[in-house]
Every structure is written in structure tokens, then in C-alpha cells.
Amino acid sequence: MTFSNSKERDISVTQWALIRYLKDNGPATFSDVADYWQVEKPAITPIAQKLAAREMISILSGADKRQKIMCLSEKGEALHKTIMEATDPFLEELMEGISQEERDVAATVLEKLIMNLKRRG
């Protein structure tokens, strides 16, 4: 599955997930993302490399040369903004009739379910 109304926005769901992660959490190592997604670190490499090739993210060396840090680039920030603006009307329609309190409760329940799944392994 890809987000594609234009060549610029033609990215995979996993690429979009990495862009969202970096936007929400700031610069991160491959290990940070792998731990969050509960995947092996090598699973992150091709996703990051494709985004770096398109200049959506930068991959920098950390204090330890083996450690790589991913940062969202200006181009990645712009893509994030474009996609979020395109999806906002859909999300508003989706949330119609659901109060903020109900949204907060749903978010809390989902977070607890995720934590339970992580503990279970």
C-alpha cells in the first residue's frame, strides 16, 4: 500500500510510519525505532535508506561510529505536512459525533492494550 496522488507523495506505509515516528519523537537511532516497532534492527535499514535516497531523512553518525541517527529533513517535514493536510478532512469526518472525552478514553484503552501486548512479547 502506498500514499500516492503524486510522485512526491508516493511512499509506502512503513516509510510513512518512519516519517511519523521521527516527526513525533525527533531524531532517533535505528535501535530506537526497531524497539518501538518491535522488529529487528535490520528491518529498519531498507526503509531508512529509501527515505534517505529521496532526501526525506538524513542519516548521521552518532558518538559511536556504529550508531546511526535518523533525522527528518526539510523535505520530509514538508511531505509530513502535505499528507497530514490531505488526511485531516477524512479524520474529521471519521471522528464526527465522537466527543473529545470519548477519544481520550479510546486512546487510553489502546495504549493499555499495546502495553499488554508488549509485556506478553
PDB file of N, CA and C in Angstrom:
ATOM      1  N   MET A   1       0.846  -1.178   0.000  1.00  0.00           N
ATOM      2  CA  MET A   1       0.000   0.000   0.000  1.00  0.00           C
ATOM      3  C   MET A   1       0.889   1.238   0.000  1.00  0.00           C
ATOM      4  N   THR A   2       0.530   2.207  -0.801  1.00  0.00           N
ATOM      5  CA  THR A   2       1.285   3.457  -0.830  1.00  0.00           C
ATOM      6  C   THR A   2       0.331   4.636  -0.767  1.00  0.00           C
ATOM      7  N   PHE A   3       0.867   5.765  -0.341  1.00  0.00           N
ATOM      8  CA  PHE A   3       0.146   7.028  -0.403  1.00  0.00           C
ATOM      9  C   PHE A   3       0.616   7.669  -1.690  1.00  0.00           C
ATOM     10  N   SER A   4      -0.261   7.780  -2.688  1.00  0.00           N
ATOM     11  CA  SER A   4       0.268   8.323  -3.936  1.00  0.00           C
ATOM     12  C   SER A   4      -0.779   9.060  -4.743  1.00  0.00           C
ATOM     13  N   ASN A   5      -0.800  10.363  -4.596  1.00  0.00           N
ATOM     14  CA  ASN A   5      -1.545  11.214  -5.510  1.00  0.00           C
ATOM     15  C   ASN A   5      -0.568  11.922  -6.430  1.00  0.00           C
ATOM     16  N   SER A   6       0.681  11.859  -6.070  1.00  0.00           N
ATOM     17  CA  SER A   6       1.735  12.446  -6.894  1.00  0.00           C
ATOM     18  C   SER A   6       3.014  11.673  -6.639  1.00  0.00           C
ATOM     19  N   LYS A   7       3.971  11.843  -7.506  1.00  0.00           N
ATOM     20  CA  LYS A   7       5.258  11.155  -7.338  1.00  0.00           C
ATOM     21  C   LYS A   7       5.901  11.547  -6.014  1.00  0.00           C
ATOM     22  N   GLU A   8       5.739  12.796  -5.625  1.00  0.00           N
ATOM     23  CA  GLU A   8       6.317  13.293  -4.377  1.00  0.00           C
ATOM     24  C   GLU A   8       5.771  12.538  -3.170  1.00  0.00           C
ATOM     25  N   ARG A   9       4.490  12.181  -3.203  1.00  0.00           N
ATOM     26  CA  ARG A   9       3.873  11.520  -2.048  1.00  0.00           C
ATOM     27  C   ARG A   9       3.842  10.009  -2.194  1.00  0.00           C
ATOM     28  N   ASP A  10       4.504   9.457  -3.160  1.00  0.00           N
ATOM     29  CA  ASP A  10       4.492   8.015  -3.388  1.00  0.00           C
ATOM     30  C   ASP A  10       5.429   7.336  -2.394  1.00  0.00           C
ATOM     31  N   ILE A  11       4.896   7.031  -1.208  1.00  0.00           N
ATOM     32  CA  ILE A  11       5.686   6.360  -0.177  1.00  0.00           C
ATOM     33  C   ILE A  11       4.888   5.191   0.375  1.00  0.00           C
ATOM     34  N   SER A  12       5.603   4.227   0.898  1.00  0.00           N
ATOM     35  CA  SER A  12       4.937   3.055   1.472  1.00  0.00           C
ATOM     36  C   SER A  12       4.410   3.381   2.864  1.00  0.00           C
ATOM     37  N   VAL A  13       3.574   2.508   3.368  1.00  0.00           N
ATOM     38  CA  VAL A  13       3.026   2.680   4.713  1.00  0.00           C
ATOM     39  C   VAL A  13       4.156   2.668   5.744  1.00  0.00           C
ATOM     40  N   THR A  14       5.143   1.791   5.562  1.00  0.00           N
ATOM     41  CA  THR A  14       6.242   1.737   6.529  1.00  0.00           C
ATOM     42  C   THR A  14       7.123   2.984   6.443  1.00  0.00           C
ATOM     43  N   GLN A  15       7.301   3.517   5.242  1.00  0.00           N
ATOM     44  CA  GLN A  15       8.054   4.765   5.112  1.00  0.00           C
ATOM     45  C   GLN A  15       7.304   5.903   5.807  1.00  0.00           C
ATOM     46  N   TRP A  16       5.984   5.929   5.609  1.00  0.00           N
ATOM     47  CA  TRP A  16       5.165   6.947   6.271  1.00  0.00           C
ATOM     48  C   TRP A  16       5.250   6.779   7.792  1.00  0.00           C
ATOM     49  N   ALA A  17       5.236   5.543   8.265  1.00  0.00           N
ATOM     50  CA  ALA A  17       5.334   5.292   9.706  1.00  0.00           C
ATOM     51  C   ALA A  17       6.654   5.821  10.263  1.00  0.00           C
ATOM     52  N   LEU A  18       7.738   5.672   9.510  1.00  0.00           N
ATOM     53  CA  LEU A  18       9.030   6.183   9.972  1.00  0.00           C
ATOM     54  C   LEU A  18       9.033   7.709   9.984  1.00  0.00           C
ATOM     55  N   ILE A  19       8.465   8.321   8.965  1.00  0.00           N
ATOM     56  CA  ILE A  19       8.357   9.783   8.941  1.00  0.00           C
ATOM     57  C   ILE A  19       7.547  10.264  10.140  1.00  0.00           C
ATOM     58  N   ARG A  20       6.424   9.610  10.393  1.00  0.00           N
ATOM     59  CA  ARG A  20       5.587   9.980  11.556  1.00  0.00           C
ATOM     60  C   ARG A  20       6.350   9.798  12.860  1.00  0.00           C
ATOM     61  N   TYR A  21       7.076   8.698  12.992  1.00  0.00           N
ATOM     62  CA  TYR A  21       7.841   8.444  14.214  1.00  0.00           C
ATOM     63  C   TYR A  21       8.851   9.568  14.450  1.00  0.00           C
ATOM     64  N   LEU A  22       9.597   9.923  13.404  1.00  0.00           N
ATOM     65  CA  LEU A  22      10.611  10.967  13.545  1.00  0.00           C
ATOM     66  C   LEU A  22       9.977  12.330  13.814  1.00  0.00           C
ATOM     67  N   LYS A  23       8.833  12.593  13.218  1.00  0.00           N
ATOM     68  CA  LYS A  23       8.131  13.855  13.465  1.00  0.00           C
ATOM     69  C   LYS A  23       7.663  13.917  14.916  1.00  0.00           C
ATOM     70  N   ASP A  24       7.117  12.824  15.413  1.00  0.00           N
ATOM     71  CA  ASP A  24       6.574  12.793  16.775  1.00  0.00           C
ATOM     72  C   ASP A  24       7.649  12.715  17.852  1.00  0.00           C
ATOM     73  N   ASN A  25       8.771  12.051  17.560  1.00  0.00           N
ATOM     74  CA  ASN A  25       9.776  11.763  18.584  1.00  0.00           C
ATOM     75  C   ASN A  25      11.112  12.464  18.389  1.00  0.00           C
ATOM     76  N   GLY A  26      11.315  13.076  17.230  1.00  0.00           N
ATOM     77  CA  GLY A  26      12.596  13.718  16.968  1.00  0.00           C
ATOM     78  C   GLY A  26      13.632  12.707  16.498  1.00  0.00           C
ATOM     79  N   PRO A  27      14.891  13.139  16.383  1.00  0.00           N
ATOM     80  CA  PRO A  27      15.952  12.248  15.905  1.00  0.00           C
ATOM     81  C   PRO A  27      15.991  10.946  16.701  1.00  0.00           C
ATOM     82  N   ALA A  28      16.261   9.853  15.994  1.00  0.00           N
ATOM     83  CA  ALA A  28      16.236   8.535  16.636  1.00  0.00           C
ATOM     84  C   ALA A  28      17.237   7.608  15.974  1.00  0.00           C
ATOM     85  N   THR A  29      17.701   6.643  16.738  1.00  0.00           N
ATOM     86  CA  THR A  29      18.585   5.613  16.192  1.00  0.00           C
ATOM     87  C   THR A  29      17.739   4.516  15.555  1.00  0.00           C
ATOM     88  N   PHE A  30      18.383   3.696  14.773  1.00  0.00           N
ATOM     89  CA  PHE A  30      17.709   2.541  14.180  1.00  0.00           C
ATOM     90  C   PHE A  30      17.166   1.650  15.299  1.00  0.00           C
ATOM     91  N   SER A  31      17.939   1.507  16.370  1.00  0.00           N
ATOM     92  CA  SER A  31      17.515   0.677  17.507  1.00  0.00           C
ATOM     93  C   SER A  31      16.279   1.248  18.188  1.00  0.00           C
ATOM     94  N   ASP A  32      16.209   2.583  18.317  1.00  0.00           N
ATOM     95  CA  ASP A  32      15.034   3.214  18.929  1.00  0.00           C
ATOM     96  C   ASP A  32      13.764   2.823  18.177  1.00  0.00           C
ATOM     97  N   VAL A  33      13.821   2.948  16.867  1.00  0.00           N
ATOM     98  CA  VAL A  33      12.649   2.651  16.034  1.00  0.00           C
ATOM     99  C   VAL A  33      12.342   1.155  16.061  1.00  0.00           C
ATOM    100  N   ALA A  34      13.369   0.335  15.953  1.00  0.00           N
ATOM    101  CA  ALA A  34      13.170  -1.120  15.984  1.00  0.00           C
ATOM    102  C   ALA A  34      12.525  -1.548  17.297  1.00  0.00           C
ATOM    103  N   ASP A  35      12.984  -0.985  18.404  1.00  0.00           N
ATOM    104  CA  ASP A  35      12.391  -1.317  19.703  1.00  0.00           C
ATOM    105  C   ASP A  35      10.932  -0.879  19.761  1.00  0.00           C
ATOM    106  N   TYR A  36      10.653   0.320  19.283  1.00  0.00           N
ATOM    107  CA  TYR A  36       9.285   0.843  19.309  1.00  0.00           C
ATOM    108  C   TYR A  36       8.352  -0.003  18.441  1.00  0.00           C
ATOM    109  N   TRP A  37       8.844  -0.399  17.264  1.00  0.00           N
ATOM    110  CA  TRP A  37       8.040  -1.204  16.338  1.00  0.00           C
ATOM    111  C   TRP A  37       8.081  -2.689  16.673  1.00  0.00           C
ATOM    112  N   GLN A  38       8.948  -3.063  17.592  1.00  0.00           N
ATOM    113  CA  GLN A  38       9.150  -4.461  17.976  1.00  0.00           C
ATOM    114  C   GLN A  38       9.538  -5.329  16.773  1.00  0.00           C
ATOM    115  N   VAL A  39      10.566  -4.853  16.083  1.00  0.00           N
ATOM    116  CA  VAL A  39      11.143  -5.595  14.960  1.00  0.00           C
ATOM    117  C   VAL A  39      12.654  -5.624  15.158  1.00  0.00           C
ATOM    118  N   GLU A  40      13.330  -6.439  14.371  1.00  0.00           N
ATOM    119  CA  GLU A  40      14.790  -6.470  14.416  1.00  0.00           C
ATOM    120  C   GLU A  40      15.344  -5.216  13.735  1.00  0.00           C
ATOM    121  N   LYS A  41      16.467  -4.732  14.222  1.00  0.00           N
ATOM    122  CA  LYS A  41      17.076  -3.511  13.679  1.00  0.00           C
ATOM    123  C   LYS A  41      17.293  -3.566  12.166  1.00  0.00           C
ATOM    124  N   PRO A  42      17.725  -4.708  11.590  1.00  0.00           N
ATOM    125  CA  PRO A  42      17.912  -4.742  10.130  1.00  0.00           C
ATOM    126  C   PRO A  42      16.627  -4.468   9.327  1.00  0.00           C
ATOM    127  N   ALA A  43      15.465  -4.629   9.943  1.00  0.00           N
ATOM    128  CA  ALA A  43      14.206  -4.348   9.236  1.00  0.00           C
ATOM    129  C   ALA A  43      14.041  -2.855   8.964  1.00  0.00           C
ATOM    130  N   ILE A  44      14.698  -2.021   9.751  1.00  0.00           N
ATOM    131  CA  ILE A  44      14.583  -0.573   9.596  1.00  0.00           C
ATOM    132  C   ILE A  44      15.473  -0.063   8.459  1.00  0.00           C
ATOM    133  N   THR A  45      16.583  -0.734   8.229  1.00  0.00           N
ATOM    134  CA  THR A  45      17.592  -0.261   7.276  1.00  0.00           C
ATOM    135  C   THR A  45      17.047   0.042   5.882  1.00  0.00           C
ATOM    136  N   PRO A  46      16.333  -0.878   5.209  1.00  0.00           N
ATOM    137  CA  PRO A  46      15.878  -0.548   3.849  1.00  0.00           C
ATOM    138  C   PRO A  46      14.853   0.591   3.819  1.00  0.00           C
ATOM    139  N   ILE A  47      14.049   0.693   4.848  1.00  0.00           N
ATOM    140  CA  ILE A  47      13.060   1.780   4.917  1.00  0.00           C
ATOM    141  C   ILE A  47      13.790   3.114   5.010  1.00  0.00           C
ATOM    142  N   ALA A  48      14.754   3.176   5.921  1.00  0.00           N
ATOM    143  CA  ALA A  48      15.517   4.410   6.121  1.00  0.00           C
ATOM    144  C   ALA A  48      16.343   4.759   4.880  1.00  0.00           C
ATOM    145  N   GLN A  49      16.952   3.759   4.259  1.00  0.00           N
ATOM    146  CA  GLN A  49      17.780   4.022   3.077  1.00  0.00           C
ATOM    147  C   GLN A  49      16.954   4.596   1.930  1.00  0.00           C
ATOM    148  N   LYS A  50      15.746   4.068   1.734  1.00  0.00           N
ATOM    149  CA  LYS A  50      14.889   4.592   0.660  1.00  0.00           C
ATOM    150  C   LYS A  50      14.498   6.040   0.937  1.00  0.00           C
ATOM    151  N   LEU A  51      14.173   6.341   2.196  1.00  0.00           N
ATOM    152  CA  LEU A  51      13.814   7.722   2.538  1.00  0.00           C
ATOM    153  C   LEU A  51      15.026   8.648   2.430  1.00  0.00           C
ATOM    154  N   ALA A  52      16.191   8.158   2.808  1.00  0.00           N
ATOM    155  CA  ALA A  52      17.412   8.966   2.692  1.00  0.00           C
ATOM    156  C   ALA A  52      17.741   9.235   1.224  1.00  0.00           C
ATOM    157  N   ALA A  53      17.546   8.236   0.370  1.00  0.00           N
ATOM    158  CA  ALA A  53      17.808   8.404  -1.064  1.00  0.00           C
ATOM    159  C   ALA A  53      16.902   9.471  -1.669  1.00  0.00           C
ATOM    160  N   ARG A  54      15.710   9.615  -1.103  1.00  0.00           N
ATOM    161  CA  ARG A  54      14.768  10.636  -1.581  1.00  0.00           C
ATOM    162  C   ARG A  54      14.897  11.941  -0.800  1.00  0.00           C
ATOM    163  N   GLU A  55      15.907  12.006   0.070  1.00  0.00           N
ATOM    164  CA  GLU A  55      16.196  13.191   0.881  1.00  0.00           C
ATOM    165  C   GLU A  55      15.059  13.557   1.829  1.00  0.00           C
ATOM    166  N   MET A  56      14.292  12.554   2.256  1.00  0.00           N
ATOM    167  CA  MET A  56      13.216  12.771   3.227  1.00  0.00           C
ATOM    168  C   MET A  56      13.763  12.749   4.657  1.00  0.00           C
ATOM    169  N   ILE A  57      14.834  11.978   4.853  1.00  0.00           N
ATOM    170  CA  ILE A  57      15.510  11.933   6.148  1.00  0.00           C
ATOM    171  C   ILE A  57      17.013  12.035   5.919  1.00  0.00           C
ATOM    172  N   SER A  58      17.720  12.377   6.970  1.00  0.00           N
ATOM    173  CA  SER A  58      19.184  12.339   6.964  1.00  0.00           C
ATOM    174  C   SER A  58      19.607  11.248   7.925  1.00  0.00           C
ATOM    175  N   ILE A  59      20.660  10.545   7.586  1.00  0.00           N
ATOM    176  CA  ILE A  59      21.216   9.523   8.471  1.00  0.00           C
ATOM    177  C   ILE A  59      22.620   9.986   8.844  1.00  0.00           C
ATOM    178  N   LEU A  60      22.810  10.262  10.124  1.00  0.00           N
ATOM    179  CA  LEU A  60      24.069  10.798  10.628  1.00  0.00           C
ATOM    180  C   LEU A  60      24.752   9.785  11.533  1.00  0.00           C
ATOM    181  N   SER A  61      26.061   9.893  11.662  1.00  0.00           N
ATOM    182  CA  SER A  61      26.797   9.037  12.594  1.00  0.00           C
ATOM    183  C   SER A  61      26.636   9.584  13.999  1.00  0.00           C
ATOM    184  N   GLY A  62      26.475   8.660  14.956  1.00  0.00           N
ATOM    185  CA  GLY A  62      26.377   9.048  16.354  1.00  0.00           C
ATOM    186  C   GLY A  62      27.761   9.169  16.963  1.00  0.00           C
ATOM    187  N   ALA A  63      27.810   9.311  18.286  1.00  0.00           N
ATOM    188  CA  ALA A  63      29.085   9.395  19.004  1.00  0.00           C
ATOM    189  C   ALA A  63      29.903   8.135  18.745  1.00  0.00           C
ATOM    190  N   ASP A  64      29.220   7.010  18.740  1.00  0.00           N
ATOM    191  CA  ASP A  64      29.821   5.729  18.377  1.00  0.00           C
ATOM    192  C   ASP A  64      29.604   5.590  16.869  1.00  0.00           C
ATOM    193  N   LYS A  65      30.660   5.444  16.110  1.00  0.00           N
ATOM    194  CA  LYS A  65      30.553   5.415  14.639  1.00  0.00           C
ATOM    195  C   LYS A  65      29.594   4.340  14.135  1.00  0.00           C
ATOM    196  N   ARG A  66      29.378   3.290  14.938  1.00  0.00           N
ATOM    197  CA  ARG A  66      28.459   2.224  14.514  1.00  0.00           C
ATOM    198  C   ARG A  66      27.004   2.656  14.650  1.00  0.00           C
ATOM    199  N   GLN A  67      26.772   3.657  15.483  1.00  0.00           N
ATOM    200  CA  GLN A  67      25.408   4.115  15.725  1.00  0.00           C
ATOM    201  C   GLN A  67      25.011   5.136  14.656  1.00  0.00           C
ATOM    202  N   LYS A  68      23.849   4.947  14.078  1.00  0.00           N
ATOM    203  CA  LYS A  68      23.332   5.868  13.075  1.00  0.00           C
ATOM    204  C   LYS A  68      22.086   6.545  13.636  1.00  0.00           C
ATOM    205  N   ILE A  69      21.987   7.851  13.415  1.00  0.00           N
ATOM    206  CA  ILE A  69      20.854   8.629  13.900  1.00  0.00           C
ATOM    207  C   ILE A  69      20.089   9.169  12.699  1.00  0.00           C
ATOM    208  N   MET A  70      18.783   8.948  12.706  1.00  0.00           N
ATOM    209  CA  MET A  70      17.919   9.425  11.624  1.00  0.00           C
ATOM    210  C   MET A  70      17.240  10.719  12.059  1.00  0.00           C
ATOM    211  N   CYS A  71      17.196  11.683  11.150  1.00  0.00           N
ATOM    212  CA  CYS A  71      16.542  12.965  11.387  1.00  0.00           C
ATOM    213  C   CYS A  71      15.644  13.274  10.192  1.00  0.00           C
ATOM    214  N   LEU A  72      14.508  13.855  10.466  1.00  0.00           N
ATOM    215  CA  LEU A  72      13.614  14.274   9.396  1.00  0.00           C
ATOM    216  C   LEU A  72      14.212  15.511   8.723  1.00  0.00           C
ATOM    217  N   SER A  73      14.278  15.513   7.406  1.00  0.00           N
ATOM    218  CA  SER A  73      14.814  16.655   6.653  1.00  0.00           C
ATOM    219  C   SER A  73      13.697  17.662   6.387  1.00  0.00           C
ATOM    220  N   GLU A  74      14.068  18.797   5.817  1.00  0.00           N
ATOM    221  CA  GLU A  74      13.052  19.788   5.439  1.00  0.00           C
ATOM    222  C   GLU A  74      12.070  19.184   4.442  1.00  0.00           C
ATOM    223  N   LYS A  75      12.592  18.409   3.510  1.00  0.00           N
ATOM    224  CA  LYS A  75      11.736  17.757   2.514  1.00  0.00           C
ATOM    225  C   LYS A  75      10.787  16.763   3.199  1.00  0.00           C
ATOM    226  N   GLY A  76      11.282  16.037   4.187  1.00  0.00           N
ATOM    227  CA  GLY A  76      10.451  15.111   4.952  1.00  0.00           C
ATOM    228  C   GLY A  76       9.393  15.837   5.763  1.00  0.00           C
ATOM    229  N   GLU A  77       9.787  16.966   6.358  1.00  0.00           N
ATOM    230  CA  GLU A  77       8.836  17.799   7.114  1.00  0.00           C
ATOM    231  C   GLU A  77       7.718  18.285   6.188  1.00  0.00           C
ATOM    232  N   ALA A  78       8.095  18.718   4.989  1.00  0.00           N
ATOM    233  CA  ALA A  78       7.110  19.216   4.030  1.00  0.00           C
ATOM    234  C   ALA A  78       6.158  18.100   3.602  1.00  0.00           C
ATOM    235  N   LEU A  79       6.696  16.905   3.371  1.00  0.00           N
ATOM    236  CA  LEU A  79       5.848  15.773   2.993  1.00  0.00           C
ATOM    237  C   LEU A  79       4.890  15.426   4.125  1.00  0.00           C
ATOM    238  N   HIS A  80       5.385  15.425   5.349  1.00  0.00           N
ATOM    239  CA  HIS A  80       4.529  15.148   6.510  1.00  0.00           C
ATOM    240  C   HIS A  80       3.368  16.139   6.550  1.00  0.00           C
ATOM    241  N   LYS A  81       3.682  17.413   6.382  1.00  0.00           N
ATOM    242  CA  LYS A  81       2.649  18.452   6.409  1.00  0.00           C
ATOM    243  C   LYS A  81       1.630  18.239   5.288  1.00  0.00           C
ATOM    244  N   THR A  82       2.111  17.944   4.087  1.00  0.00           N
ATOM    245  CA  THR A  82       1.229  17.735   2.934  1.00  0.00           C
ATOM    246  C   THR A  82       0.277  16.562   3.168  1.00  0.00           C
ATOM    247  N   ILE A  83       0.815  15.458   3.649  1.00  0.00           N
ATOM    248  CA  ILE A  83      -0.027  14.276   3.870  1.00  0.00           C
ATOM    249  C   ILE A  83      -1.012  14.525   5.004  1.00  0.00           C
ATOM    250  N   MET A  84      -0.560  15.171   6.070  1.00  0.00           N
ATOM    251  CA  MET A  84      -1.465  15.444   7.189  1.00  0.00           C
ATOM    252  C   MET A  84      -2.604  16.371   6.753  1.00  0.00           C
ATOM    253  N   GLU A  85      -2.281  17.379   5.944  1.00  0.00           N
ATOM    254  CA  GLU A  85      -3.322  18.283   5.445  1.00  0.00           C
ATOM    255  C   GLU A  85      -4.316  17.538   4.563  1.00  0.00           C
ATOM    256  N   ALA A  86      -3.829  16.583   3.790  1.00  0.00           N
ATOM    257  CA  ALA A  86      -4.706  15.808   2.906  1.00  0.00           C
ATOM    258  C   ALA A  86      -5.593  14.855   3.700  1.00  0.00           C
ATOM    259  N   THR A  87      -5.094  14.358   4.838  1.00  0.00           N
ATOM    260  CA  THR A  87      -5.873  13.384   5.613  1.00  0.00           C
ATOM    261  C   THR A  87      -6.752  14.035   6.672  1.00  0.00           C
ATOM    262  N   ASP A  88      -6.508  15.299   7.014  1.00  0.00           N
ATOM    263  CA  ASP A  88      -7.302  15.962   8.051  1.00  0.00           C
ATOM    264  C   ASP A  88      -8.808  15.925   7.789  1.00  0.00           C
ATOM    265  N   PRO A  89      -9.274  16.256   6.576  1.00  0.00           N
ATOM    266  CA  PRO A  89     -10.726  16.198   6.343  1.00  0.00           C
ATOM    267  C   PRO A  89     -11.295  14.792   6.570  1.00  0.00           C
ATOM    268  N   PHE A  90     -10.563  13.773   6.151  1.00  0.00           N
ATOM    269  CA  PHE A  90     -11.006  12.392   6.363  1.00  0.00           C
ATOM    270  C   PHE A  90     -11.090  12.084   7.855  1.00  0.00           C
ATOM    271  N   LEU A  91     -10.069  12.482   8.599  1.00  0.00           N
ATOM    272  CA  LEU A  91     -10.059  12.214  10.038  1.00  0.00           C
ATOM    273  C   LEU A  91     -11.181  12.960  10.749  1.00  0.00           C
ATOM    274  N   GLU A  92     -11.441  14.190  10.329  1.00  0.00           N
ATOM    275  CA  GLU A  92     -12.547  14.949  10.918  1.00  0.00           C
ATOM    276  C   GLU A  92     -13.872  14.232  10.681  1.00  0.00           C
ATOM    277  N   GLU A  93     -14.068  13.749   9.464  1.00  0.00           N
ATOM    278  CA  GLU A  93     -15.291  13.015   9.139  1.00  0.00           C
ATOM    279  C   GLU A  93     -15.369  11.724   9.950  1.00  0.00           C
ATOM    280  N   LEU A  94     -14.260  11.045  10.080  1.00  0.00           N
ATOM    281  CA  LEU A  94     -14.198   9.799  10.828  1.00  0.00           C
ATOM    282  C   LEU A  94     -14.546  10.009  12.299  1.00  0.00           C
ATOM    283  N   MET A  95     -14.129  11.133  12.860  1.00  0.00           N
ATOM    284  CA  MET A  95     -14.339  11.417  14.283  1.00  0.00           C
ATOM    285  C   MET A  95     -15.659  12.136  14.569  1.00  0.00           C
ATOM    286  N   GLU A  96     -16.438  12.387  13.524  1.00  0.00           N
ATOM    287  CA  GLU A  96     -17.701  13.095  13.694  1.00  0.00           C
ATOM    288  C   GLU A  96     -18.584  12.369  14.706  1.00  0.00           C
ATOM    289  N   GLY A  97     -19.117  13.123  15.652  1.00  0.00           N
ATOM    290  CA  GLY A  97     -20.017  12.549  16.650  1.00  0.00           C
ATOM    291  C   GLY A  97     -19.310  11.883  17.820  1.00  0.00           C
ATOM    292  N   ILE A  98     -17.987  11.916  17.829  1.00  0.00           N
ATOM    293  CA  ILE A  98     -17.216  11.325  18.928  1.00  0.00           C
ATOM    294  C   ILE A  98     -16.614  12.481  19.726  1.00  0.00           C
ATOM    295  N   SER A  99     -17.011  12.586  20.990  1.00  0.00           N
ATOM    296  CA  SER A  99     -16.533  13.692  21.824  1.00  0.00           C
ATOM    297  C   SER A  99     -15.046  13.540  22.131  1.00  0.00           C
ATOM    298  N   GLN A 100     -14.442  14.642  22.554  1.00  0.00           N
ATOM    299  CA  GLN A 100     -13.027  14.606  22.930  1.00  0.00           C
ATOM    300  C   GLN A 100     -12.815  13.641  24.088  1.00  0.00           C
ATOM    301  N   GLU A 101     -13.754  13.622  25.019  1.00  0.00           N
ATOM    302  CA  GLU A 101     -13.652  12.698  26.157  1.00  0.00           C
ATOM    303  C   GLU A 101     -13.645  11.244  25.675  1.00  0.00           C
ATOM    304  N   GLU A 102     -14.515  10.919  24.722  1.00  0.00           N
ATOM    305  CA  GLU A 102     -14.559   9.559  24.169  1.00  0.00           C
ATOM    306  C   GLU A 102     -13.262   9.228  23.422  1.00  0.00           C
ATOM    307  N   ARG A 103     -12.719  10.199  22.715  1.00  0.00           N
ATOM    308  CA  ARG A 103     -11.451   9.992  22.007  1.00  0.00           C
ATOM    309  C   ARG A 103     -10.321   9.719  22.998  1.00  0.00           C
ATOM    310  N   ASP A 104     -10.315  10.490  24.095  1.00  0.00           N
ATOM    311  CA  ASP A 104      -9.279  10.310  25.115  1.00  0.00           C
ATOM    312  C   ASP A 104      -9.372   8.932  25.757  1.00  0.00           C
ATOM    313  N   VAL A 105     -10.593   8.487  26.051  1.00  0.00           N
ATOM    314  CA  VAL A 105     -10.788   7.157  26.642  1.00  0.00           C
ATOM    315  C   VAL A 105     -10.309   6.083  25.666  1.00  0.00           C
ATOM    316  N   ALA A 106     -10.676   6.220  24.398  1.00  0.00           N
ATOM    317  CA  ALA A 106     -10.261   5.237  23.389  1.00  0.00           C
ATOM    318  C   ALA A 106      -8.734   5.195  23.280  1.00  0.00           C
ATOM    319  N   ALA A 107      -8.094   6.358  23.286  1.00  0.00           N
ATOM    320  CA  ALA A 107      -6.631   6.412  23.194  1.00  0.00           C
ATOM    321  C   ALA A 107      -5.990   5.736  24.403  1.00  0.00           C
ATOM    322  N   THR A 108      -6.549   5.971  25.581  1.00  0.00           N
ATOM    323  CA  THR A 108      -6.019   5.346  26.802  1.00  0.00           C
ATOM    324  C   THR A 108      -6.154   3.833  26.742  1.00  0.00           C
ATOM    325  N   VAL A 109      -7.310   3.352  26.314  1.00  0.00           N
ATOM    326  CA  VAL A 109      -7.534   1.903  26.210  1.00  0.00           C
ATOM    327  C   VAL A 109      -6.564   1.295  25.199  1.00  0.00           C
ATOM    328  N   LEU A 110      -6.400   1.936  24.049  1.00  0.00           N
ATOM    329  CA  LEU A 110      -5.472   1.416  23.036  1.00  0.00           C
ATOM    330  C   LEU A 110      -4.037   1.381  23.557  1.00  0.00           C
ATOM    331  N   GLU A 111      -3.628   2.420  24.276  1.00  0.00           N
ATOM    332  CA  GLU A 111      -2.277   2.441  24.845  1.00  0.00           C
ATOM    333  C   GLU A 111      -2.087   1.283  25.822  1.00  0.00           C
ATOM    334  N   LYS A 112      -3.104   1.015  26.643  1.00  0.00           N
ATOM    335  CA  LYS A 112      -3.014  -0.090  27.602  1.00  0.00           C
ATOM    336  C   LYS A 112      -2.967  -1.440  26.886  1.00  0.00           C
ATOM    337  N   LEU A 113      -3.738  -1.580  25.819  1.00  0.00           N
ATOM    338  CA  LEU A 113      -3.698  -2.820  25.040  1.00  0.00           C
ATOM    339  C   LEU A 113      -2.309  -3.037  24.436  1.00  0.00           C
ATOM    340  N   ILE A 114      -1.734  -1.976  23.920  1.00  0.00           N
ATOM    341  CA  ILE A 114      -0.392  -2.067  23.334  1.00  0.00           C
ATOM    342  C   ILE A 114       0.631  -2.446  24.399  1.00  0.00           C
ATOM    343  N   MET A 115       0.540  -1.833  25.563  1.00  0.00           N
ATOM    344  CA  MET A 115       1.465  -2.164  26.656  1.00  0.00           C
ATOM    345  C   MET A 115       1.315  -3.633  27.060  1.00  0.00           C
ATOM    346  N   ASN A 116       0.077  -4.115  27.134  1.00  0.00           N
ATOM    347  CA  ASN A 116      -0.157  -5.524  27.472  1.00  0.00           C
ATOM    348  C   ASN A 116       0.456  -6.446  26.423  1.00  0.00           C
ATOM    349  N   LEU A 117       0.310  -6.082  25.154  1.00  0.00           N
ATOM    350  CA  LEU A 117       0.896  -6.890  24.081  1.00  0.00           C
ATOM    351  C   LEU A 117       2.419  -6.880  24.156  1.00  0.00           C
ATOM    352  N   LYS A 118       3.000  -5.726  24.464  1.00  0.00           N
ATOM    353  CA  LYS A 118       4.458  -5.633  24.570  1.00  0.00           C
ATOM    354  C   LYS A 118       4.976  -6.484  25.725  1.00  0.00           C
ATOM    355  N   ARG A 119       4.259  -6.464  26.854  1.00  0.00           N
ATOM    356  CA  ARG A 119       4.677  -7.277  28.001  1.00  0.00           C
ATOM    357  C   ARG A 119       4.599  -8.760  27.681  1.00  0.00           C
ATOM    358  N   ARG A 120       3.612  -9.111  26.890  1.00  0.00           N
ATOM    359  CA  ARG A 120       3.398 -10.517  26.534  1.00  0.00           C
ATOM    360  C   ARG A 120       4.501 -11.019  25.605  1.00  0.00           C
ATOM    361  N   GLY A 121       5.007 -10.088  24.794  1.00  0.00           N
ATOM    362  CA  GLY A 121       6.094 -10.445  23.878  1.00  0.00           C
ATOM    363  C   GLY A 121       5.593 -11.034  22.680  1.00  0.00           C
TER     364      GLY A 121
END
